[in-house]
Amino acid sequence: MGDYTLYIGNKNYSSWSLRPWLAMKVAGIPFDEKLILLFDDDWKANIAKVSPSARVPVLCDGDLTIWETMAILEYLAERHPDKGLWPEDSTARAIARAVSNEMHAGFTALRNNMPMNIRKSHPGRGRGEGVAEDIARICQIWNDCRARFGDGGPFLFGKFSIADAMFAPVVSRFTTFVVELDEVSATYRDAVQALPEMIEWSDAGRAEPWVVPEDEID
């Protein structure tokens, strides 16, 4: 087993970095964490050293570099089948992959209008065109997964999985922007926020001194 190094961006802002970080922490997969400050004067030079896409996160395992979030998570699931990063049941696993990839590829209105910013509270803000539809679809996913596969724990498929890691930044956004949710979705949001690993990430994000102006709402 190689030694993992995970390169991440600022914890206050970097939603993509949160996903593999949280999955590895909850699963108990050891790794070294390396922070590359987002968009500071040295950003381009520093990210070019580790990421061919010039984006974070990046996972290094020995000589292997993986620079895309879902690829990182799939690689970890293959390398650590005992960690239960995907549900054991084949039907649940297929749906978990479907909703994870829908999150990966979609919800651009929500992303653009509600940037992740753990330090701030913006009740009533971020409700641009298409955001309500994105919120409704996310809540539909959460309700469906909890109803069909939620036995055995408080997460989308009962036990924590990659699907929860993929939606964790949405949980953070819903908290920052004080999004009103149905009972099932609110209970799920609270379960993710209560994870010790999520608390660890959020506390670190709030403590960061750096500001990325393009991710701030005036």
N, C-alpha and C. Protein backbone atom coordinates (compact mmCIF):
# COMPACT_ATOMS: atom_id res chain seq x y z
N MET A 1 0.84 -1.19 0.00
CA MET A 1 0.00 0.00 0.00
C MET A 1 0.88 1.24 0.00
N GLY A 2 0.68 2.12 -0.95
CA GLY A 2 1.48 3.32 -1.02
C GLY A 2 1.04 4.33 0.02
N ASP A 3 1.86 5.35 0.21
CA ASP A 3 1.53 6.44 1.12
C ASP A 3 0.76 7.50 0.35
N TYR A 4 -0.41 7.86 0.84
CA TYR A 4 -1.25 8.84 0.16
C TYR A 4 -0.89 10.26 0.57
N THR A 5 -0.89 11.15 -0.40
CA THR A 5 -0.85 12.58 -0.14
C THR A 5 -2.03 13.22 -0.86
N LEU A 6 -2.83 13.97 -0.13
CA LEU A 6 -3.99 14.64 -0.70
C LEU A 6 -3.74 16.14 -0.70
N TYR A 7 -3.70 16.71 -1.91
CA TYR A 7 -3.55 18.15 -2.07
C TYR A 7 -4.94 18.79 -2.13
N ILE A 8 -5.15 19.79 -1.29
CA ILE A 8 -6.46 20.42 -1.19
C ILE A 8 -6.31 21.93 -1.28
N GLY A 9 -7.45 22.60 -1.52
CA GLY A 9 -7.51 24.05 -1.45
C GLY A 9 -8.00 24.50 -0.10
N ASN A 10 -8.22 25.79 0.05
CA ASN A 10 -8.68 26.38 1.31
C ASN A 10 -9.94 25.67 1.79
N LYS A 11 -9.96 25.30 3.06
CA LYS A 11 -11.10 24.55 3.58
C LYS A 11 -12.37 25.39 3.66
N ASN A 12 -12.22 26.69 3.78
CA ASN A 12 -13.42 27.53 3.81
C ASN A 12 -14.18 27.51 2.49
N TYR A 13 -13.48 27.35 1.39
CA TYR A 13 -14.09 27.50 0.07
C TYR A 13 -14.11 26.23 -0.79
N SER A 14 -13.14 25.35 -0.62
CA SER A 14 -12.90 24.31 -1.63
C SER A 14 -13.84 23.11 -1.44
N SER A 15 -14.99 23.20 -2.07
CA SER A 15 -15.99 22.14 -1.96
C SER A 15 -15.48 20.82 -2.53
N TRP A 16 -14.74 20.89 -3.63
CA TRP A 16 -14.24 19.65 -4.23
C TRP A 16 -13.19 18.99 -3.34
N SER A 17 -12.37 19.78 -2.67
CA SER A 17 -11.37 19.21 -1.78
C SER A 17 -12.02 18.50 -0.59
N LEU A 18 -13.12 19.06 -0.11
CA LEU A 18 -13.81 18.46 1.03
C LEU A 18 -14.20 17.01 0.76
N ARG A 19 -14.60 16.70 -0.45
CA ARG A 19 -15.19 15.39 -0.73
C ARG A 19 -14.22 14.23 -0.46
N PRO A 20 -13.06 14.15 -1.10
CA PRO A 20 -12.18 13.03 -0.80
C PRO A 20 -11.58 13.11 0.60
N TRP A 21 -11.33 14.33 1.09
CA TRP A 21 -10.82 14.49 2.45
C TRP A 21 -11.77 13.86 3.45
N LEU A 22 -13.06 14.18 3.34
CA LEU A 22 -14.06 13.66 4.26
C LEU A 22 -14.19 12.15 4.13
N ALA A 23 -14.22 11.65 2.90
CA ALA A 23 -14.34 10.21 2.69
C ALA A 23 -13.18 9.46 3.32
N MET A 24 -11.97 9.96 3.15
CA MET A 24 -10.80 9.29 3.70
C MET A 24 -10.77 9.38 5.22
N LYS A 25 -11.16 10.51 5.77
CA LYS A 25 -11.18 10.67 7.21
C LYS A 25 -12.21 9.74 7.86
N VAL A 26 -13.43 9.73 7.32
CA VAL A 26 -14.48 8.89 7.91
C VAL A 26 -14.12 7.41 7.77
N ALA A 27 -13.53 7.03 6.64
CA ALA A 27 -13.15 5.63 6.40
C ALA A 27 -11.91 5.22 7.18
N GLY A 28 -11.18 6.18 7.72
CA GLY A 28 -9.96 5.85 8.45
C GLY A 28 -8.81 5.46 7.55
N ILE A 29 -8.73 6.09 6.39
CA ILE A 29 -7.62 5.86 5.45
C ILE A 29 -6.57 6.93 5.70
N PRO A 30 -5.39 6.57 6.17
CA PRO A 30 -4.38 7.60 6.50
C PRO A 30 -3.87 8.31 5.25
N PHE A 31 -3.57 9.60 5.41
CA PHE A 31 -3.00 10.37 4.31
C PHE A 31 -2.31 11.60 4.87
N ASP A 32 -1.36 12.11 4.09
CA ASP A 32 -0.75 13.41 4.38
C ASP A 32 -1.55 14.48 3.64
N GLU A 33 -1.82 15.56 4.32
CA GLU A 33 -2.60 16.66 3.76
C GLU A 33 -1.68 17.81 3.38
N LYS A 34 -1.82 18.30 2.15
CA LYS A 34 -1.03 19.43 1.67
C LYS A 34 -1.97 20.51 1.15
N LEU A 35 -1.85 21.70 1.71
CA LEU A 35 -2.70 22.82 1.31
C LEU A 35 -2.02 23.66 0.24
N ILE A 36 -2.76 23.92 -0.84
CA ILE A 36 -2.33 24.87 -1.86
C ILE A 36 -3.34 26.01 -1.85
N LEU A 37 -2.87 27.19 -1.47
CA LEU A 37 -3.79 28.32 -1.33
C LEU A 37 -4.42 28.67 -2.68
N LEU A 38 -5.72 28.83 -2.67
CA LEU A 38 -6.47 29.12 -3.89
C LEU A 38 -6.19 30.53 -4.37
N PHE A 39 -5.74 30.64 -5.60
CA PHE A 39 -5.71 31.90 -6.34
C PHE A 39 -4.86 33.00 -5.70
N ASP A 40 -3.85 32.60 -4.89
CA ASP A 40 -2.91 33.62 -4.43
C ASP A 40 -1.85 33.82 -5.51
N ASP A 41 -0.83 34.61 -5.23
CA ASP A 41 0.17 34.95 -6.25
C ASP A 41 0.93 33.73 -6.74
N ASP A 42 1.04 32.71 -5.90
CA ASP A 42 1.82 31.52 -6.26
C ASP A 42 0.94 30.35 -6.70
N TRP A 43 -0.38 30.59 -6.81
CA TRP A 43 -1.31 29.50 -7.11
C TRP A 43 -0.94 28.74 -8.38
N LYS A 44 -0.76 29.44 -9.48
CA LYS A 44 -0.52 28.79 -10.77
C LYS A 44 0.76 27.95 -10.73
N ALA A 45 1.80 28.49 -10.14
CA ALA A 45 3.06 27.75 -10.07
C ALA A 45 2.94 26.55 -9.16
N ASN A 46 2.27 26.70 -8.03
CA ASN A 46 2.17 25.60 -7.07
C ASN A 46 1.25 24.49 -7.57
N ILE A 47 0.12 24.85 -8.17
CA ILE A 47 -0.81 23.81 -8.63
C ILE A 47 -0.24 23.08 -9.84
N ALA A 48 0.53 23.77 -10.66
CA ALA A 48 1.13 23.13 -11.84
C ALA A 48 2.11 22.03 -11.46
N LYS A 49 2.67 22.09 -10.28
CA LYS A 49 3.63 21.08 -9.83
C LYS A 49 2.96 19.74 -9.53
N VAL A 50 1.66 19.76 -9.22
CA VAL A 50 1.00 18.53 -8.77
C VAL A 50 -0.21 18.12 -9.60
N SER A 51 -0.81 19.07 -10.34
CA SER A 51 -2.08 18.77 -11.00
C SER A 51 -2.04 19.11 -12.49
N PRO A 52 -2.19 18.12 -13.37
CA PRO A 52 -2.21 18.42 -14.80
C PRO A 52 -3.43 19.23 -15.23
N SER A 53 -4.50 19.19 -14.41
CA SER A 53 -5.69 19.97 -14.74
C SER A 53 -5.68 21.35 -14.10
N ALA A 54 -4.66 21.64 -13.27
CA ALA A 54 -4.55 22.90 -12.53
C ALA A 54 -5.73 23.11 -11.59
N ARG A 55 -6.20 22.00 -11.00
CA ARG A 55 -7.29 22.07 -10.05
C ARG A 55 -6.99 21.15 -8.86
N VAL A 56 -7.61 21.45 -7.74
CA VAL A 56 -7.60 20.55 -6.60
C VAL A 56 -9.00 19.93 -6.47
N PRO A 57 -9.09 18.75 -5.84
CA PRO A 57 -8.06 18.01 -5.13
C PRO A 57 -7.22 17.16 -6.07
N VAL A 58 -6.07 16.72 -5.53
CA VAL A 58 -5.19 15.78 -6.21
C VAL A 58 -4.74 14.75 -5.18
N LEU A 59 -4.84 13.49 -5.56
CA LEU A 59 -4.35 12.41 -4.70
C LEU A 59 -3.12 11.80 -5.33
N CYS A 60 -2.05 11.72 -4.56
CA CYS A 60 -0.83 11.05 -5.00
C CYS A 60 -0.64 9.77 -4.19
N ASP A 61 -0.42 8.69 -4.89
CA ASP A 61 -0.14 7.40 -4.27
C ASP A 61 1.15 6.88 -4.89
N GLY A 62 2.26 7.13 -4.22
CA GLY A 62 3.55 6.82 -4.81
C GLY A 62 3.76 7.65 -6.07
N ASP A 63 4.00 6.97 -7.18
CA ASP A 63 4.22 7.66 -8.46
C ASP A 63 2.93 7.98 -9.19
N LEU A 64 1.80 7.53 -8.66
CA LEU A 64 0.51 7.74 -9.33
C LEU A 64 -0.12 9.03 -8.86
N THR A 65 -0.58 9.85 -9.82
CA THR A 65 -1.29 11.09 -9.53
C THR A 65 -2.71 10.99 -10.09
N ILE A 66 -3.69 11.27 -9.25
CA ILE A 66 -5.10 11.25 -9.66
C ILE A 66 -5.65 12.64 -9.35
N TRP A 67 -6.20 13.31 -10.37
CA TRP A 67 -6.52 14.73 -10.24
C TRP A 67 -8.00 15.04 -10.38
N GLU A 68 -8.86 14.09 -10.26
CA GLU A 68 -10.29 14.33 -10.45
C GLU A 68 -11.05 13.65 -9.32
N THR A 69 -12.04 14.35 -8.75
CA THR A 69 -12.64 13.92 -7.49
C THR A 69 -13.26 12.53 -7.55
N MET A 70 -14.12 12.28 -8.53
CA MET A 70 -14.76 10.97 -8.60
C MET A 70 -13.74 9.88 -8.88
N ALA A 71 -12.74 10.19 -9.70
CA ALA A 71 -11.68 9.20 -9.95
C ALA A 71 -10.92 8.88 -8.67
N ILE A 72 -10.65 9.90 -7.85
CA ILE A 72 -10.00 9.67 -6.56
C ILE A 72 -10.85 8.75 -5.69
N LEU A 73 -12.13 9.05 -5.60
CA LEU A 73 -13.01 8.28 -4.73
C LEU A 73 -13.18 6.84 -5.24
N GLU A 74 -13.29 6.67 -6.53
CA GLU A 74 -13.40 5.31 -7.09
C GLU A 74 -12.10 4.53 -6.85
N TYR A 75 -10.98 5.19 -7.00
CA TYR A 75 -9.69 4.54 -6.76
C TYR A 75 -9.59 4.08 -5.31
N LEU A 76 -9.98 4.94 -4.38
CA LEU A 76 -9.93 4.57 -2.97
C LEU A 76 -10.88 3.42 -2.66
N ALA A 77 -12.05 3.42 -3.28
CA ALA A 77 -13.00 2.32 -3.06
C ALA A 77 -12.42 1.00 -3.56
N GLU A 78 -11.72 1.03 -4.67
CA GLU A 78 -11.09 -0.18 -5.20
C GLU A 78 -9.93 -0.63 -4.33
N ARG A 79 -9.13 0.30 -3.86
CA ARG A 79 -7.97 -0.04 -3.06
C ARG A 79 -8.34 -0.50 -1.65
N HIS A 80 -9.49 -0.05 -1.17
CA HIS A 80 -9.89 -0.33 0.22
C HIS A 80 -11.32 -0.89 0.25
N PRO A 81 -11.54 -2.06 -0.32
CA PRO A 81 -12.90 -2.60 -0.35
C PRO A 81 -13.48 -2.87 1.03
N ASP A 82 -12.62 -3.01 2.02
CA ASP A 82 -13.07 -3.27 3.39
C ASP A 82 -13.63 -2.02 4.06
N LYS A 83 -13.45 -0.85 3.48
CA LYS A 83 -13.87 0.40 4.11
C LYS A 83 -15.32 0.77 3.81
N GLY A 84 -15.97 0.07 2.91
CA GLY A 84 -17.37 0.31 2.64
C GLY A 84 -17.68 1.67 2.05
N LEU A 85 -16.79 2.15 1.16
CA LEU A 85 -17.03 3.46 0.57
C LEU A 85 -18.23 3.47 -0.38
N TRP A 86 -18.55 2.33 -0.96
CA TRP A 86 -19.81 2.15 -1.69
C TRP A 86 -20.67 1.14 -0.92
N PRO A 87 -21.99 1.22 -1.03
CA PRO A 87 -22.86 0.22 -0.39
C PRO A 87 -22.57 -1.19 -0.90
N GLU A 88 -22.76 -2.18 -0.04
CA GLU A 88 -22.52 -3.56 -0.43
C GLU A 88 -23.56 -4.07 -1.41
N ASP A 89 -24.81 -3.73 -1.20
CA ASP A 89 -25.89 -4.19 -2.07
C ASP A 89 -25.73 -3.59 -3.47
N SER A 90 -25.87 -4.43 -4.50
CA SER A 90 -25.60 -3.97 -5.86
C SER A 90 -26.60 -2.91 -6.32
N THR A 91 -27.87 -3.04 -5.93
CA THR A 91 -28.86 -2.03 -6.30
C THR A 91 -28.54 -0.70 -5.63
N ALA A 92 -28.29 -0.75 -4.33
CA ALA A 92 -27.94 0.47 -3.60
C ALA A 92 -26.67 1.09 -4.16
N ARG A 93 -25.71 0.25 -4.51
CA ARG A 93 -24.44 0.74 -5.04
C ARG A 93 -24.65 1.45 -6.38
N ALA A 94 -25.51 0.89 -7.22
CA ALA A 94 -25.79 1.52 -8.52
C ALA A 94 -26.44 2.89 -8.33
N ILE A 95 -27.40 2.98 -7.41
CA ILE A 95 -28.06 4.26 -7.17
C ILE A 95 -27.09 5.24 -6.52
N ALA A 96 -26.24 4.76 -5.62
CA ALA A 96 -25.24 5.63 -5.00
C ALA A 96 -24.32 6.22 -6.04
N ARG A 97 -23.91 5.42 -7.00
CA ARG A 97 -23.06 5.93 -8.08
C ARG A 97 -23.83 6.94 -8.94
N ALA A 98 -25.10 6.65 -9.19
CA ALA A 98 -25.90 7.55 -10.03
C ALA A 98 -26.06 8.92 -9.38
N VAL A 99 -26.41 8.95 -8.09
CA VAL A 99 -26.64 10.24 -7.45
C VAL A 99 -25.30 10.97 -7.22
N SER A 100 -24.23 10.22 -7.00
CA SER A 100 -22.92 10.86 -6.84
C SER A 100 -22.48 11.53 -8.13
N ASN A 101 -22.69 10.86 -9.24
CA ASN A 101 -22.30 11.44 -10.52
C ASN A 101 -23.25 12.56 -10.95
N GLU A 102 -24.52 12.46 -10.56
CA GLU A 102 -25.43 13.58 -10.82
C GLU A 102 -24.96 14.82 -10.06
N MET A 103 -24.55 14.62 -8.83
CA MET A 103 -24.00 15.74 -8.05
C MET A 103 -22.73 16.28 -8.71
N HIS A 104 -21.89 15.38 -9.17
CA HIS A 104 -20.62 15.76 -9.79
C HIS A 104 -20.83 16.62 -11.03
N ALA A 105 -21.82 16.27 -11.82
CA ALA A 105 -21.99 16.90 -13.12
C ALA A 105 -23.01 18.03 -13.15
N GLY A 106 -23.87 18.09 -12.14
CA GLY A 106 -25.01 18.99 -12.23
C GLY A 106 -25.06 20.07 -11.17
N PHE A 107 -26.24 20.66 -11.04
CA PHE A 107 -26.55 21.65 -10.02
C PHE A 107 -25.68 22.90 -10.15
N THR A 108 -25.49 23.33 -11.38
CA THR A 108 -24.63 24.50 -11.63
C THR A 108 -25.24 25.79 -11.09
N ALA A 109 -26.56 25.90 -11.12
CA ALA A 109 -27.19 27.11 -10.58
C ALA A 109 -26.90 27.25 -9.10
N LEU A 110 -27.02 26.15 -8.38
CA LEU A 110 -26.72 26.16 -6.94
C LEU A 110 -25.26 26.49 -6.69
N ARG A 111 -24.37 25.86 -7.44
CA ARG A 111 -22.94 26.12 -7.27
C ARG A 111 -22.60 27.59 -7.50
N ASN A 112 -23.16 28.14 -8.58
CA ASN A 112 -22.80 29.51 -8.97
C ASN A 112 -23.38 30.56 -8.02
N ASN A 113 -24.56 30.30 -7.52
CA ASN A 113 -25.24 31.29 -6.69
C ASN A 113 -24.99 31.13 -5.20
N MET A 114 -24.59 29.93 -4.79
CA MET A 114 -24.34 29.65 -3.38
C MET A 114 -22.95 29.05 -3.21
N PRO A 115 -21.90 29.84 -3.38
CA PRO A 115 -20.55 29.31 -3.21
C PRO A 115 -20.33 28.85 -1.77
N MET A 116 -19.55 27.78 -1.60
CA MET A 116 -19.27 27.30 -0.26
C MET A 116 -18.44 28.34 0.49
N ASN A 117 -18.91 28.72 1.65
CA ASN A 117 -18.22 29.70 2.48
C ASN A 117 -18.62 29.43 3.93
N ILE A 118 -17.82 28.63 4.61
CA ILE A 118 -18.17 28.14 5.94
C ILE A 118 -18.24 29.28 6.95
N ARG A 119 -17.44 30.31 6.74
CA ARG A 119 -17.35 31.39 7.73
C ARG A 119 -18.56 32.30 7.74
N LYS A 120 -19.35 32.29 6.68
CA LYS A 120 -20.40 33.28 6.53
C LYS A 120 -21.80 32.68 6.75
N SER A 121 -22.75 33.57 6.99
CA SER A 121 -24.17 33.22 7.01
C SER A 121 -24.90 34.20 6.12
N HIS A 122 -25.63 33.65 5.12
CA HIS A 122 -26.31 34.49 4.14
C HIS A 122 -27.79 34.08 4.02
N PRO A 123 -28.56 34.21 5.07
CA PRO A 123 -29.97 33.81 4.97
C PRO A 123 -30.70 34.60 3.89
N GLY A 124 -31.42 33.89 3.06
CA GLY A 124 -32.21 34.53 2.02
C GLY A 124 -31.45 34.93 0.78
N ARG A 125 -30.12 34.77 0.79
CA ARG A 125 -29.31 35.15 -0.37
C ARG A 125 -29.14 33.94 -1.30
N GLY A 126 -28.57 34.20 -2.47
CA GLY A 126 -28.20 33.12 -3.37
C GLY A 126 -29.33 32.46 -4.12
N ARG A 127 -30.50 33.09 -4.13
CA ARG A 127 -31.66 32.47 -4.78
C ARG A 127 -31.80 32.92 -6.22
N GLY A 128 -30.75 32.69 -7.02
CA GLY A 128 -30.79 33.07 -8.42
C GLY A 128 -31.60 32.09 -9.26
N GLU A 129 -31.65 32.37 -10.55
CA GLU A 129 -32.42 31.54 -11.47
C GLU A 129 -31.94 30.10 -11.44
N GLY A 130 -32.86 29.18 -11.29
CA GLY A 130 -32.55 27.76 -11.31
C GLY A 130 -32.17 27.16 -9.97
N VAL A 131 -31.95 28.00 -8.97
CA VAL A 131 -31.51 27.48 -7.67
C VAL A 131 -32.63 26.70 -6.99
N ALA A 132 -33.84 27.21 -7.02
CA ALA A 132 -34.96 26.51 -6.38
C ALA A 132 -35.14 25.11 -6.98
N GLU A 133 -34.99 25.02 -8.30
CA GLU A 133 -35.12 23.71 -8.95
C GLU A 133 -34.00 22.77 -8.52
N ASP A 134 -32.78 23.29 -8.39
CA ASP A 134 -31.66 22.46 -7.92
C ASP A 134 -31.91 21.97 -6.49
N ILE A 135 -32.38 22.87 -5.63
CA ILE A 135 -32.66 22.48 -4.24
C ILE A 135 -33.73 21.41 -4.19
N ALA A 136 -34.78 21.59 -4.99
CA ALA A 136 -35.87 20.61 -5.00
C ALA A 136 -35.37 19.23 -5.45
N ARG A 137 -34.52 19.20 -6.47
CA ARG A 137 -33.99 17.92 -6.96
C ARG A 137 -33.08 17.27 -5.91
N ILE A 138 -32.25 18.05 -5.26
CA ILE A 138 -31.38 17.50 -4.21
C ILE A 138 -32.22 16.90 -3.08
N CYS A 139 -33.23 17.62 -2.66
CA CYS A 139 -34.09 17.10 -1.60
C CYS A 139 -34.83 15.85 -2.04
N GLN A 140 -35.21 15.79 -3.31
CA GLN A 140 -35.84 14.58 -3.85
C GLN A 140 -34.88 13.40 -3.76
N ILE A 141 -33.62 13.61 -4.13
CA ILE A 141 -32.61 12.56 -4.03
C ILE A 141 -32.45 12.11 -2.59
N TRP A 142 -32.31 13.05 -1.70
CA TRP A 142 -32.10 12.69 -0.29
C TRP A 142 -33.29 11.92 0.26
N ASN A 143 -34.49 12.37 -0.04
CA ASN A 143 -35.68 11.67 0.45
C ASN A 143 -35.77 10.26 -0.13
N ASP A 144 -35.52 10.13 -1.42
CA ASP A 144 -35.60 8.82 -2.07
C ASP A 144 -34.57 7.85 -1.51
N CYS A 145 -33.34 8.31 -1.38
CA CYS A 145 -32.29 7.43 -0.87
C CYS A 145 -32.55 7.03 0.58
N ARG A 146 -32.98 7.97 1.39
CA ARG A 146 -33.26 7.65 2.78
C ARG A 146 -34.42 6.65 2.89
N ALA A 147 -35.46 6.83 2.07
CA ALA A 147 -36.61 5.94 2.14
C ALA A 147 -36.27 4.54 1.65
N ARG A 148 -35.48 4.44 0.60
CA ARG A 148 -35.20 3.13 -0.01
C ARG A 148 -34.03 2.40 0.63
N PHE A 149 -33.03 3.16 1.06
CA PHE A 149 -31.77 2.53 1.46
C PHE A 149 -31.24 2.99 2.81
N GLY A 150 -32.01 3.76 3.55
CA GLY A 150 -31.48 4.42 4.73
C GLY A 150 -31.47 3.63 6.01
N ASP A 151 -31.96 2.39 5.98
CA ASP A 151 -31.91 1.58 7.19
C ASP A 151 -30.46 1.35 7.61
N GLY A 152 -30.22 1.38 8.90
CA GLY A 152 -28.88 1.06 9.39
C GLY A 152 -28.00 2.25 9.66
N GLY A 153 -28.55 3.46 9.54
CA GLY A 153 -27.76 4.64 9.82
C GLY A 153 -28.45 5.89 9.33
N PRO A 154 -27.89 7.07 9.63
CA PRO A 154 -28.55 8.33 9.30
C PRO A 154 -28.19 8.90 7.94
N PHE A 155 -27.41 8.15 7.14
CA PHE A 155 -26.91 8.71 5.89
C PHE A 155 -27.72 8.20 4.71
N LEU A 156 -27.38 8.63 3.50
CA LEU A 156 -28.22 8.35 2.34
C LEU A 156 -28.43 6.86 2.13
N PHE A 157 -27.41 6.08 2.40
CA PHE A 157 -27.50 4.62 2.23
C PHE A 157 -27.26 3.91 3.57
N GLY A 158 -27.73 4.54 4.62
CA GLY A 158 -27.56 4.01 5.97
C GLY A 158 -26.21 4.38 6.52
N LYS A 159 -25.21 3.61 6.16
CA LYS A 159 -23.84 3.92 6.55
C LYS A 159 -23.25 4.99 5.63
N PHE A 160 -22.29 5.73 6.15
CA PHE A 160 -21.62 6.76 5.36
C PHE A 160 -20.99 6.14 4.12
N SER A 161 -21.10 6.84 2.99
CA SER A 161 -20.55 6.34 1.73
C SER A 161 -20.04 7.52 0.90
N ILE A 162 -19.51 7.20 -0.25
CA ILE A 162 -19.06 8.23 -1.19
C ILE A 162 -20.19 9.20 -1.53
N ALA A 163 -21.41 8.70 -1.60
CA ALA A 163 -22.54 9.58 -1.91
C ALA A 163 -22.65 10.72 -0.89
N ASP A 164 -22.45 10.40 0.37
CA ASP A 164 -22.51 11.44 1.40
C ASP A 164 -21.35 12.42 1.27
N ALA A 165 -20.17 11.91 0.93
CA ALA A 165 -19.03 12.79 0.70
C ALA A 165 -19.32 13.75 -0.45
N MET A 166 -19.97 13.25 -1.49
CA MET A 166 -20.27 14.10 -2.63
C MET A 166 -21.27 15.20 -2.29
N PHE A 167 -22.21 14.92 -1.39
CA PHE A 167 -23.22 15.93 -1.04
C PHE A 167 -22.83 16.77 0.16
N ALA A 168 -21.70 16.47 0.81
CA ALA A 168 -21.31 17.24 2.00
C ALA A 168 -21.17 18.74 1.73
N PRO A 169 -20.58 19.17 0.59
CA PRO A 169 -20.51 20.61 0.34
C PRO A 169 -21.89 21.25 0.17
N VAL A 170 -22.86 20.49 -0.33
CA VAL A 170 -24.22 21.02 -0.43
C VAL A 170 -24.79 21.24 0.96
N VAL A 171 -24.53 20.31 1.86
CA VAL A 171 -24.94 20.48 3.26
C VAL A 171 -24.37 21.78 3.81
N SER A 172 -23.09 22.03 3.53
CA SER A 172 -22.47 23.26 4.00
C SER A 172 -23.13 24.48 3.37
N ARG A 173 -23.41 24.43 2.09
CA ARG A 173 -24.07 25.55 1.41
C ARG A 173 -25.46 25.80 1.99
N PHE A 174 -26.22 24.73 2.21
CA PHE A 174 -27.56 24.89 2.76
C PHE A 174 -27.50 25.53 4.15
N THR A 175 -26.45 25.23 4.90
CA THR A 175 -26.28 25.83 6.22
C THR A 175 -25.93 27.30 6.10
N THR A 176 -24.98 27.63 5.24
CA THR A 176 -24.56 29.03 5.05
C THR A 176 -25.70 29.90 4.58
N PHE A 177 -26.49 29.39 3.63
CA PHE A 177 -27.55 30.19 3.03
C PHE A 177 -28.91 29.95 3.69
N VAL A 178 -28.91 29.19 4.77
CA VAL A 178 -30.11 28.96 5.60
C VAL A 178 -31.29 28.53 4.72
N VAL A 179 -31.06 27.46 3.98
CA VAL A 179 -32.09 26.94 3.08
C VAL A 179 -33.12 26.15 3.87
N GLU A 180 -34.38 26.50 3.69
CA GLU A 180 -35.46 25.77 4.38
C GLU A 180 -35.64 24.42 3.71
N LEU A 181 -35.65 23.35 4.53
CA LEU A 181 -35.71 21.99 4.01
C LEU A 181 -36.86 21.23 4.64
N ASP A 182 -37.32 20.20 3.94
CA ASP A 182 -38.30 19.29 4.52
C ASP A 182 -37.66 18.51 5.66
N GLU A 183 -38.45 17.80 6.43
CA GLU A 183 -37.98 17.15 7.65
C GLU A 183 -36.89 16.11 7.37
N VAL A 184 -37.09 15.29 6.35
CA VAL A 184 -36.10 14.25 6.04
C VAL A 184 -34.78 14.89 5.63
N SER A 185 -34.84 15.90 4.77
CA SER A 185 -33.63 16.55 4.30
C SER A 185 -32.92 17.29 5.42
N ALA A 186 -33.67 17.94 6.29
CA ALA A 186 -33.07 18.66 7.42
C ALA A 186 -32.39 17.69 8.38
N THR A 187 -33.01 16.56 8.61
CA THR A 187 -32.42 15.56 9.50
C THR A 187 -31.13 15.01 8.90
N TYR A 188 -31.14 14.78 7.60
CA TYR A 188 -29.92 14.31 6.92
C TYR A 188 -28.83 15.38 6.97
N ARG A 189 -29.18 16.63 6.67
CA ARG A 189 -28.22 17.73 6.77
C ARG A 189 -27.55 17.75 8.15
N ASP A 190 -28.37 17.62 9.19
CA ASP A 190 -27.84 17.68 10.55
C ASP A 190 -26.92 16.50 10.85
N ALA A 191 -27.23 15.32 10.28
CA ALA A 191 -26.39 14.15 10.50
C ALA A 191 -25.01 14.34 9.88
N VAL A 192 -24.97 14.92 8.69
CA VAL A 192 -23.68 15.17 8.04
C VAL A 192 -22.91 16.24 8.82
N GLN A 193 -23.59 17.30 9.21
CA GLN A 193 -22.92 18.37 9.95
C GLN A 193 -22.39 17.88 11.30
N ALA A 194 -23.02 16.86 11.87
CA ALA A 194 -22.61 16.35 13.18
C ALA A 194 -21.43 15.39 13.11
N LEU A 195 -21.05 14.96 11.92
CA LEU A 195 -19.88 14.09 11.80
C LEU A 195 -18.66 14.78 12.42
N PRO A 196 -17.91 14.10 13.29
CA PRO A 196 -16.71 14.73 13.85
C PRO A 196 -15.74 15.21 12.78
N GLU A 197 -15.65 14.47 11.69
CA GLU A 197 -14.75 14.86 10.60
C GLU A 197 -15.24 16.11 9.88
N MET A 198 -16.55 16.24 9.74
CA MET A 198 -17.12 17.45 9.13
C MET A 198 -16.90 18.65 10.05
N ILE A 199 -17.05 18.43 11.35
CA ILE A 199 -16.79 19.50 12.31
C ILE A 199 -15.33 19.91 12.26
N GLU A 200 -14.43 18.94 12.15
CA GLU A 200 -13.00 19.23 12.06
C GLU A 200 -12.70 20.11 10.85
N TRP A 201 -13.23 19.74 9.69
CA TRP A 201 -13.02 20.52 8.47
C TRP A 201 -13.59 21.93 8.62
N SER A 202 -14.82 22.02 9.14
CA SER A 202 -15.49 23.32 9.25
C SER A 202 -14.78 24.23 10.24
N ASP A 203 -14.33 23.68 11.35
CA ASP A 203 -13.59 24.50 12.32
C ASP A 203 -12.30 25.04 11.70
N ALA A 204 -11.63 24.19 10.93
CA ALA A 204 -10.40 24.63 10.27
C ALA A 204 -10.70 25.70 9.23
N GLY A 205 -11.79 25.54 8.49
CA GLY A 205 -12.18 26.55 7.51
C GLY A 205 -12.48 27.89 8.14
N ARG A 206 -13.19 27.87 9.26
CA ARG A 206 -13.50 29.13 9.94
C ARG A 206 -12.25 29.82 10.48
N ALA A 207 -11.24 29.03 10.80
CA ALA A 207 -10.01 29.59 11.37
C ALA A 207 -9.04 30.12 10.32
N GLU A 208 -9.28 29.83 9.05
CA GLU A 208 -8.36 30.29 8.01
C GLU A 208 -8.39 31.80 7.86
N PRO A 209 -7.23 32.43 7.66
CA PRO A 209 -7.21 33.88 7.51
C PRO A 209 -7.39 34.36 6.07
N TRP A 210 -7.30 33.44 5.10
CA TRP A 210 -7.26 33.86 3.71
C TRP A 210 -8.66 34.14 3.16
N VAL A 211 -8.74 35.09 2.25
CA VAL A 211 -10.01 35.46 1.62
C VAL A 211 -9.86 35.32 0.11
N VAL A 212 -10.83 34.66 -0.52
CA VAL A 212 -10.89 34.55 -1.98
C VAL A 212 -12.06 35.44 -2.43
N PRO A 213 -11.77 36.62 -2.97
CA PRO A 213 -12.85 37.59 -3.25
C PRO A 213 -13.94 37.04 -4.15
N GLU A 214 -13.59 36.22 -5.15
CA GLU A 214 -14.61 35.75 -6.08
C GLU A 214 -15.61 34.78 -5.44
N ASP A 215 -15.26 34.25 -4.27
CA ASP A 215 -16.18 33.36 -3.56
C ASP A 215 -16.88 34.04 -2.40
N GLU A 216 -16.76 35.35 -2.34
CA GLU A 216 -17.45 36.13 -1.31
C GLU A 216 -18.66 36.84 -1.90
N ILE A 217 -19.71 36.93 -1.13
CA ILE A 217 -20.90 37.68 -1.53
C ILE A 217 -20.93 38.96 -0.72
N ASP A 218 -20.95 40.09 -1.40
CA ASP A 218 -20.96 41.39 -0.71
C ASP A 218 -22.30 41.64 -0.04
